[in-house]
């Protein structure tokens, strides 16, 4: 079974407002839990934004956590 998650645009996203550090951390934590449970097989997104577009809220720690998760997912597919 496969799932696709779509996030609708909001007034904030349409205005170019980036998510907070807290929201980015919570999303990363949720994805990490899905990966550990073995149900997250891929985490691709349509690359509309570059990492730098998220500003200071996308901290070096969050960037590292995302990179580690992407590596683990990629290894699981091979």
N, C-alpha and C. Protein backbone atom coordinates (compact mmCIF):
# COMPACT_ATOMS: atom_id res chain seq x y z
N UNK A 1 0.85 -1.17 0.00
CA UNK A 1 0.00 0.00 0.00
C UNK A 1 0.90 1.23 0.00
N UNK A 2 0.53 2.20 -0.77
CA UNK A 2 1.30 3.45 -0.84
C UNK A 2 0.40 4.62 -0.49
N UNK A 3 1.03 5.63 0.07
CA UNK A 3 0.32 6.85 0.43
C UNK A 3 1.06 8.04 -0.15
N UNK A 4 0.32 9.05 -0.46
CA UNK A 4 0.92 10.31 -0.88
C UNK A 4 0.29 11.39 -0.02
N UNK A 5 1.13 12.24 0.53
CA UNK A 5 0.63 13.31 1.38
C UNK A 5 0.75 14.62 0.61
N UNK A 6 -0.35 15.31 0.51
CA UNK A 6 -0.39 16.61 -0.14
C UNK A 6 -0.73 17.67 0.90
N UNK A 7 -0.05 18.76 0.84
CA UNK A 7 -0.34 19.87 1.75
C UNK A 7 -0.93 21.02 0.94
N UNK A 8 -2.11 21.44 1.32
CA UNK A 8 -2.75 22.55 0.62
C UNK A 8 -2.04 23.86 0.95
N UNK A 9 -2.08 24.74 0.01
CA UNK A 9 -1.52 26.07 0.23
C UNK A 9 -2.36 26.82 1.26
N UNK A 10 -1.71 27.67 1.99
CA UNK A 10 -2.40 28.52 2.96
C UNK A 10 -2.08 29.97 2.62
N UNK A 11 -2.72 30.88 3.30
CA UNK A 11 -2.40 32.30 3.08
C UNK A 11 -0.93 32.56 3.36
N UNK A 12 -0.42 31.92 4.41
CA UNK A 12 0.99 32.12 4.78
C UNK A 12 1.92 31.57 3.71
N UNK A 13 1.63 30.35 3.23
CA UNK A 13 2.53 29.77 2.21
C UNK A 13 2.44 30.53 0.90
N UNK A 14 1.27 30.99 0.55
CA UNK A 14 1.12 31.77 -0.67
C UNK A 14 1.85 33.10 -0.58
N UNK A 15 2.00 33.61 0.64
CA UNK A 15 2.71 34.88 0.84
C UNK A 15 4.22 34.65 0.94
N UNK A 16 4.64 33.38 0.84
CA UNK A 16 6.07 33.09 0.90
C UNK A 16 6.62 32.91 2.30
N UNK A 17 5.72 32.84 3.28
CA UNK A 17 6.16 32.65 4.67
C UNK A 17 6.64 31.22 4.85
N UNK A 18 7.84 31.07 5.37
CA UNK A 18 8.43 29.74 5.57
C UNK A 18 7.99 29.16 6.91
N UNK A 19 7.98 27.83 7.02
CA UNK A 19 7.60 27.20 8.30
C UNK A 19 8.60 27.55 9.39
N UNK A 20 8.13 27.47 10.62
CA UNK A 20 8.99 27.78 11.77
C UNK A 20 9.97 26.63 12.01
N UNK A 21 11.01 26.92 12.79
CA UNK A 21 11.97 25.88 13.17
C UNK A 21 11.25 24.75 13.89
N UNK A 22 10.31 25.10 14.74
CA UNK A 22 9.55 24.08 15.49
C UNK A 22 8.80 23.16 14.54
N UNK A 23 8.10 23.72 13.55
CA UNK A 23 7.34 22.90 12.61
C UNK A 23 8.27 22.02 11.79
N UNK A 24 9.38 22.57 11.33
CA UNK A 24 10.34 21.77 10.57
C UNK A 24 10.88 20.62 11.42
N UNK A 25 11.18 20.89 12.68
CA UNK A 25 11.68 19.84 13.58
C UNK A 25 10.62 18.77 13.81
N UNK A 26 9.37 19.18 14.00
CA UNK A 26 8.28 18.22 14.21
C UNK A 26 8.05 17.36 12.97
N UNK A 27 8.12 17.97 11.80
CA UNK A 27 7.97 17.20 10.55
C UNK A 27 9.10 16.18 10.41
N UNK A 28 10.31 16.61 10.72
CA UNK A 28 11.45 15.70 10.65
C UNK A 28 11.33 14.55 11.63
N UNK A 29 10.85 14.85 12.83
CA UNK A 29 10.67 13.83 13.86
C UNK A 29 9.61 12.81 13.41
N UNK A 30 8.54 13.30 12.84
CA UNK A 30 7.47 12.42 12.35
C UNK A 30 7.99 11.51 11.24
N UNK A 31 8.73 12.09 10.30
CA UNK A 31 9.29 11.29 9.21
C UNK A 31 10.27 10.25 9.74
N UNK A 32 11.05 10.62 10.75
CA UNK A 32 11.99 9.69 11.36
C UNK A 32 11.24 8.50 11.98
N UNK A 33 10.12 8.77 12.65
CA UNK A 33 9.32 7.70 13.24
C UNK A 33 8.75 6.78 12.17
N UNK A 34 8.28 7.35 11.07
CA UNK A 34 7.78 6.53 9.96
C UNK A 34 8.88 5.65 9.39
N UNK A 35 10.08 6.22 9.26
CA UNK A 35 11.20 5.47 8.72
C UNK A 35 11.57 4.32 9.66
N UNK A 36 11.65 4.60 10.96
CA UNK A 36 11.99 3.55 11.94
C UNK A 36 10.96 2.44 11.95
N UNK A 37 9.70 2.79 11.70
CA UNK A 37 8.63 1.80 11.66
C UNK A 37 8.65 0.99 10.37
N UNK A 38 9.47 1.42 9.42
CA UNK A 38 9.59 0.69 8.16
C UNK A 38 8.52 1.02 7.14
N UNK A 39 7.78 2.09 7.36
CA UNK A 39 6.71 2.42 6.41
C UNK A 39 7.06 3.58 5.49
N UNK A 40 8.13 4.28 5.78
CA UNK A 40 8.55 5.38 4.90
C UNK A 40 9.59 4.83 3.94
N UNK A 41 9.20 4.65 2.69
CA UNK A 41 10.09 4.07 1.68
C UNK A 41 10.78 5.14 0.85
N UNK A 42 10.20 6.30 0.80
CA UNK A 42 10.78 7.40 0.04
C UNK A 42 10.27 8.70 0.62
N UNK A 43 11.05 9.72 0.50
CA UNK A 43 10.65 11.01 1.04
C UNK A 43 10.83 12.12 0.02
N UNK A 44 10.60 11.78 -1.23
CA UNK A 44 10.78 12.79 -2.26
C UNK A 44 9.69 13.85 -2.15
N UNK A 45 10.09 15.03 -2.48
CA UNK A 45 9.13 16.12 -2.59
C UNK A 45 9.40 16.84 -3.89
N UNK A 46 8.42 17.50 -4.37
CA UNK A 46 8.63 18.33 -5.55
C UNK A 46 9.51 19.48 -5.11
N UNK A 47 10.68 19.57 -5.66
CA UNK A 47 11.65 20.56 -5.21
C UNK A 47 11.27 21.96 -5.68
N UNK A 48 10.39 22.57 -4.93
CA UNK A 48 9.99 23.94 -5.22
C UNK A 48 10.95 24.90 -4.52
N UNK A 49 11.44 24.47 -3.37
CA UNK A 49 12.33 25.30 -2.56
C UNK A 49 13.69 24.64 -2.42
N UNK A 50 14.69 25.44 -2.29
CA UNK A 50 16.03 24.97 -1.93
C UNK A 50 16.14 25.08 -0.41
N UNK A 51 17.06 24.34 0.18
CA UNK A 51 17.22 24.37 1.64
C UNK A 51 17.44 25.79 2.14
N UNK A 52 18.21 26.59 1.41
CA UNK A 52 18.49 27.96 1.81
C UNK A 52 17.26 28.86 1.84
N UNK A 53 16.22 28.47 1.10
CA UNK A 53 15.00 29.27 1.06
C UNK A 53 14.27 29.28 2.39
N UNK A 54 14.55 28.30 3.25
CA UNK A 54 13.86 28.21 4.53
C UNK A 54 14.46 29.12 5.59
N UNK A 55 15.57 29.75 5.27
CA UNK A 55 16.17 30.71 6.18
C UNK A 55 16.75 30.07 7.43
N UNK A 56 16.88 30.89 8.45
CA UNK A 56 17.52 30.46 9.71
C UNK A 56 16.72 29.38 10.43
N UNK A 57 15.42 29.29 10.14
CA UNK A 57 14.59 28.28 10.81
C UNK A 57 15.04 26.87 10.47
N UNK A 58 15.60 26.67 9.28
CA UNK A 58 16.09 25.36 8.87
C UNK A 58 17.54 25.27 9.32
N UNK A 59 17.71 25.02 10.60
CA UNK A 59 19.01 25.07 11.26
C UNK A 59 19.96 24.00 10.73
N UNK A 60 21.25 24.16 10.98
CA UNK A 60 22.20 23.12 10.57
C UNK A 60 21.84 21.74 11.14
N UNK A 61 21.31 21.71 12.35
CA UNK A 61 20.91 20.44 12.96
C UNK A 61 19.77 19.80 12.17
N UNK A 62 18.79 20.60 11.77
CA UNK A 62 17.67 20.07 10.99
C UNK A 62 18.14 19.62 9.61
N UNK A 63 19.07 20.35 9.01
CA UNK A 63 19.62 19.96 7.71
C UNK A 63 20.34 18.62 7.81
N UNK A 64 21.14 18.46 8.87
CA UNK A 64 21.87 17.20 9.07
C UNK A 64 20.90 16.04 9.29
N UNK A 65 19.86 16.27 10.08
CA UNK A 65 18.88 15.22 10.35
C UNK A 65 18.19 14.80 9.06
N UNK A 66 17.84 15.76 8.22
CA UNK A 66 17.19 15.43 6.94
C UNK A 66 18.15 14.64 6.05
N UNK A 67 19.39 15.05 5.99
CA UNK A 67 20.38 14.36 5.16
C UNK A 67 20.57 12.92 5.63
N UNK A 68 20.65 12.72 6.95
CA UNK A 68 20.80 11.36 7.49
C UNK A 68 19.61 10.48 7.12
N UNK A 69 18.40 11.05 7.25
CA UNK A 69 17.20 10.30 6.94
C UNK A 69 17.17 9.92 5.46
N UNK A 70 17.52 10.87 4.58
CA UNK A 70 17.54 10.57 3.14
C UNK A 70 18.55 9.48 2.82
N UNK A 71 19.69 9.49 3.48
CA UNK A 71 20.71 8.44 3.29
C UNK A 71 20.17 7.08 3.70
N UNK A 72 19.53 7.02 4.86
CA UNK A 72 18.98 5.75 5.36
C UNK A 72 17.91 5.21 4.42
N UNK A 73 17.06 6.09 3.93
CA UNK A 73 16.00 5.67 3.01
C UNK A 73 16.62 5.15 1.72
N UNK A 74 17.61 5.86 1.20
CA UNK A 74 18.26 5.43 -0.04
C UNK A 74 18.93 4.07 0.13
N UNK A 75 19.57 3.84 1.25
CA UNK A 75 20.21 2.54 1.51
C UNK A 75 19.17 1.43 1.57
N UNK A 76 18.01 1.75 2.12
CA UNK A 76 16.94 0.76 2.24
C UNK A 76 16.35 0.34 0.91
N UNK A 77 16.48 1.19 -0.10
CA UNK A 77 15.95 0.87 -1.42
C UNK A 77 16.91 0.03 -2.23
N UNK A 78 18.16 -0.03 -1.83
CA UNK A 78 19.16 -0.78 -2.60
C UNK A 78 19.25 -2.21 -2.15
